[in-house]
Amino acid sequence: MDSSHFDLIVPLSGEGILRTHDFAFPFAPGECWFLPANLGQYVVQPIEGMVTVIRTYVPDIVALRAELKSAGLAKEADQTVFD
């Protein structure tokens, strides 16, 4: 986890446990977990079998745009990255 942004975790399939150094909470598909930037490290642990989750966050827009442009994707960066 990066302390410069929050993470949003959305379980899609399977059940598991979201663990940090301070807590352990069970999760199931369809829930949303908003994890603060200062949370520190966390682990998504399946209870049984596999778990599929989406992890998303709001990136540093200036850095993302620069990275896309340096990769030769200037047009795409202007069309998909909003301020």
C-alpha atoms as a PDB file:
ATOM      1  CA  MET A   1       0.000   0.000   0.000  1.00  0.00           C
ATOM      2  CA  ASP A   2       1.179   3.480  -0.849  1.00  0.00           C
ATOM      3  CA  SER A   3       0.722   6.044   1.916  1.00  0.00           C
ATOM      4  CA  SER A   4       0.056   8.785  -0.633  1.00  0.00           C
ATOM      5  CA  HIS A   5      -3.444   7.523  -1.471  1.00  0.00           C
ATOM      6  CA  PHE A   6      -6.352   5.481  -0.176  1.00  0.00           C
ATOM      7  CA  ASP A   7      -7.226   2.064  -1.633  1.00  0.00           C
ATOM      8  CA  LEU A   8     -10.694   0.834  -2.472  1.00  0.00           C
ATOM      9  CA  ILE A   9     -11.042  -2.961  -2.351  1.00  0.00           C
ATOM     10  CA  VAL A  10     -14.075  -4.624  -3.964  1.00  0.00           C
ATOM     11  CA  PRO A  11     -14.325  -8.418  -3.583  1.00  0.00           C
ATOM     12  CA  LEU A  12     -15.808 -10.025  -6.714  1.00  0.00           C
ATOM     13  CA  SER A  13     -15.693 -13.712  -5.802  1.00  0.00           C
ATOM     14  CA  GLY A  14     -14.713 -15.885  -2.872  1.00  0.00           C
ATOM     15  CA  GLU A  15     -14.607 -15.035   0.801  1.00  0.00           C
ATOM     16  CA  GLY A  16     -11.593 -13.900   2.713  1.00  0.00           C
ATOM     17  CA  ILE A  17     -10.084 -11.910   5.513  1.00  0.00           C
ATOM     18  CA  LEU A  18      -8.628  -8.425   5.233  1.00  0.00           C
ATOM     19  CA  ARG A  19      -5.698  -8.293   7.654  1.00  0.00           C
ATOM     20  CA  THR A  20      -3.514  -5.482   8.928  1.00  0.00           C
ATOM     21  CA  HIS A  21      -1.266  -5.240  11.946  1.00  0.00           C
ATOM     22  CA  ASP A  22      -4.270  -4.029  13.997  1.00  0.00           C
ATOM     23  CA  PHE A  23      -7.301  -5.947  12.752  1.00  0.00           C
ATOM     24  CA  ALA A  24      -8.719  -8.845  10.737  1.00  0.00           C
ATOM     25  CA  PHE A  25     -12.169  -8.549   9.156  1.00  0.00           C
ATOM     26  CA  PRO A  26     -13.974 -11.119   7.005  1.00  0.00           C
ATOM     27  CA  PHE A  27     -15.223  -9.986   3.605  1.00  0.00           C
ATOM     28  CA  ALA A  28     -17.552 -11.336   0.913  1.00  0.00           C
ATOM     29  CA  PRO A  29     -18.381 -10.488  -2.710  1.00  0.00           C
ATOM     30  CA  GLY A  30     -20.229  -7.229  -3.240  1.00  0.00           C
ATOM     31  CA  GLU A  31     -18.740  -5.396  -0.285  1.00  0.00           C
ATOM     32  CA  CYS A  32     -16.540  -2.312  -0.628  1.00  0.00           C
ATOM     33  CA  TRP A  33     -13.633  -1.563   1.680  1.00  0.00           C
ATOM     34  CA  PHE A  34     -12.274   1.975   1.787  1.00  0.00           C
ATOM     35  CA  LEU A  35      -8.760   1.771   3.252  1.00  0.00           C
ATOM     36  CA  PRO A  36      -7.152   5.026   4.418  1.00  0.00           C
ATOM     37  CA  ALA A  37      -3.716   6.058   3.180  1.00  0.00           C
ATOM     38  CA  ASN A  38      -2.193   5.857   6.649  1.00  0.00           C
ATOM     39  CA  LEU A  39      -3.342   2.261   7.214  1.00  0.00           C
ATOM     40  CA  GLY A  40      -0.003   0.721   6.287  1.00  0.00           C
ATOM     41  CA  GLN A  41       0.432  -2.781   4.921  1.00  0.00           C
ATOM     42  CA  TYR A  42      -2.559  -5.079   4.528  1.00  0.00           C
ATOM     43  CA  VAL A  43      -3.152  -8.579   3.197  1.00  0.00           C
ATOM     44  CA  VAL A  44      -6.147 -10.051   1.398  1.00  0.00           C
ATOM     45  CA  GLN A  45      -6.274 -13.660   2.615  1.00  0.00           C
ATOM     46  CA  PRO A  46      -8.674 -16.220   1.081  1.00  0.00           C
ATOM     47  CA  ILE A  47     -10.652 -18.302   3.573  1.00  0.00           C
ATOM     48  CA  GLU A  48     -10.928 -21.208   1.156  1.00  0.00           C
ATOM     49  CA  GLY A  49      -9.929 -21.511  -2.490  1.00  0.00           C
ATOM     50  CA  MET A  50      -9.366 -18.347  -4.480  1.00  0.00           C
ATOM     51  CA  VAL A  51     -10.514 -14.771  -4.044  1.00  0.00           C
ATOM     52  CA  THR A  52     -10.889 -12.199  -6.824  1.00  0.00           C
ATOM     53  CA  VAL A  53     -10.823  -8.517  -5.864  1.00  0.00           C
ATOM     54  CA  ILE A  54     -10.527  -5.196  -7.598  1.00  0.00           C
ATOM     55  CA  ARG A  55      -8.072  -2.793  -5.994  1.00  0.00           C
ATOM     56  CA  THR A  56      -8.331   0.776  -7.161  1.00  0.00           C
ATOM     57  CA  TYR A  57      -7.151   4.213  -6.115  1.00  0.00           C
ATOM     58  CA  VAL A  58      -6.902   7.748  -7.443  1.00  0.00           C
ATOM     59  CA  PRO A  59      -3.381   8.127  -8.822  1.00  0.00           C
ATOM     60  CA  ASP A  60      -1.177  11.199  -8.838  1.00  0.00           C
ATOM     61  CA  ILE A  61      -2.722  12.734 -11.978  1.00  0.00           C
ATOM     62  CA  VAL A  62       0.313  14.842 -12.920  1.00  0.00           C
ATOM     63  CA  ALA A  63       2.663  11.854 -12.615  1.00  0.00           C
ATOM     64  CA  LEU A  64       0.280   9.565 -14.530  1.00  0.00           C
ATOM     65  CA  ARG A  65      -0.096  12.024 -17.386  1.00  0.00           C
ATOM     66  CA  ALA A  66       3.691  12.472 -17.592  1.00  0.00           C
ATOM     67  CA  GLU A  67       4.252   8.702 -17.556  1.00  0.00           C
ATOM     68  CA  LEU A  68       1.736   8.145 -20.366  1.00  0.00           C
ATOM     69  CA  LYS A  69       3.220  10.935 -22.464  1.00  0.00           C
ATOM     70  CA  SER A  70       6.767   9.629 -21.986  1.00  0.00           C
ATOM     71  CA  ALA A  71       5.528   6.231 -23.205  1.00  0.00           C
ATOM     72  CA  GLY A  72       4.339   7.859 -26.437  1.00  0.00           C
ATOM     73  CA  LEU A  73       0.692   7.973 -25.401  1.00  0.00           C
ATOM     74  CA  ALA A  74       0.169  11.737 -25.346  1.00  0.00           C
ATOM     75  CA  LYS A  75      -3.147  11.628 -27.216  1.00  0.00           C
ATOM     76  CA  GLU A  76      -4.476   8.854 -24.967  1.00  0.00           C
ATOM     77  CA  ALA A  77      -3.302  10.713 -21.861  1.00  0.00           C
ATOM     78  CA  ASP A  78      -5.190  13.837 -22.905  1.00  0.00           C
ATOM     79  CA  GLN A  79      -8.344  11.834 -23.655  1.00  0.00           C
ATOM     80  CA  THR A  80      -8.451   9.672 -20.546  1.00  0.00           C
ATOM     81  CA  VAL A  81      -6.739  11.563 -17.719  1.00  0.00           C
ATOM     82  CA  PHE A  82      -8.846  14.344 -16.250  1.00  0.00           C
ATOM     83  CA  ASP A  83      -7.860  17.079 -13.816  1.00  0.00           C
END
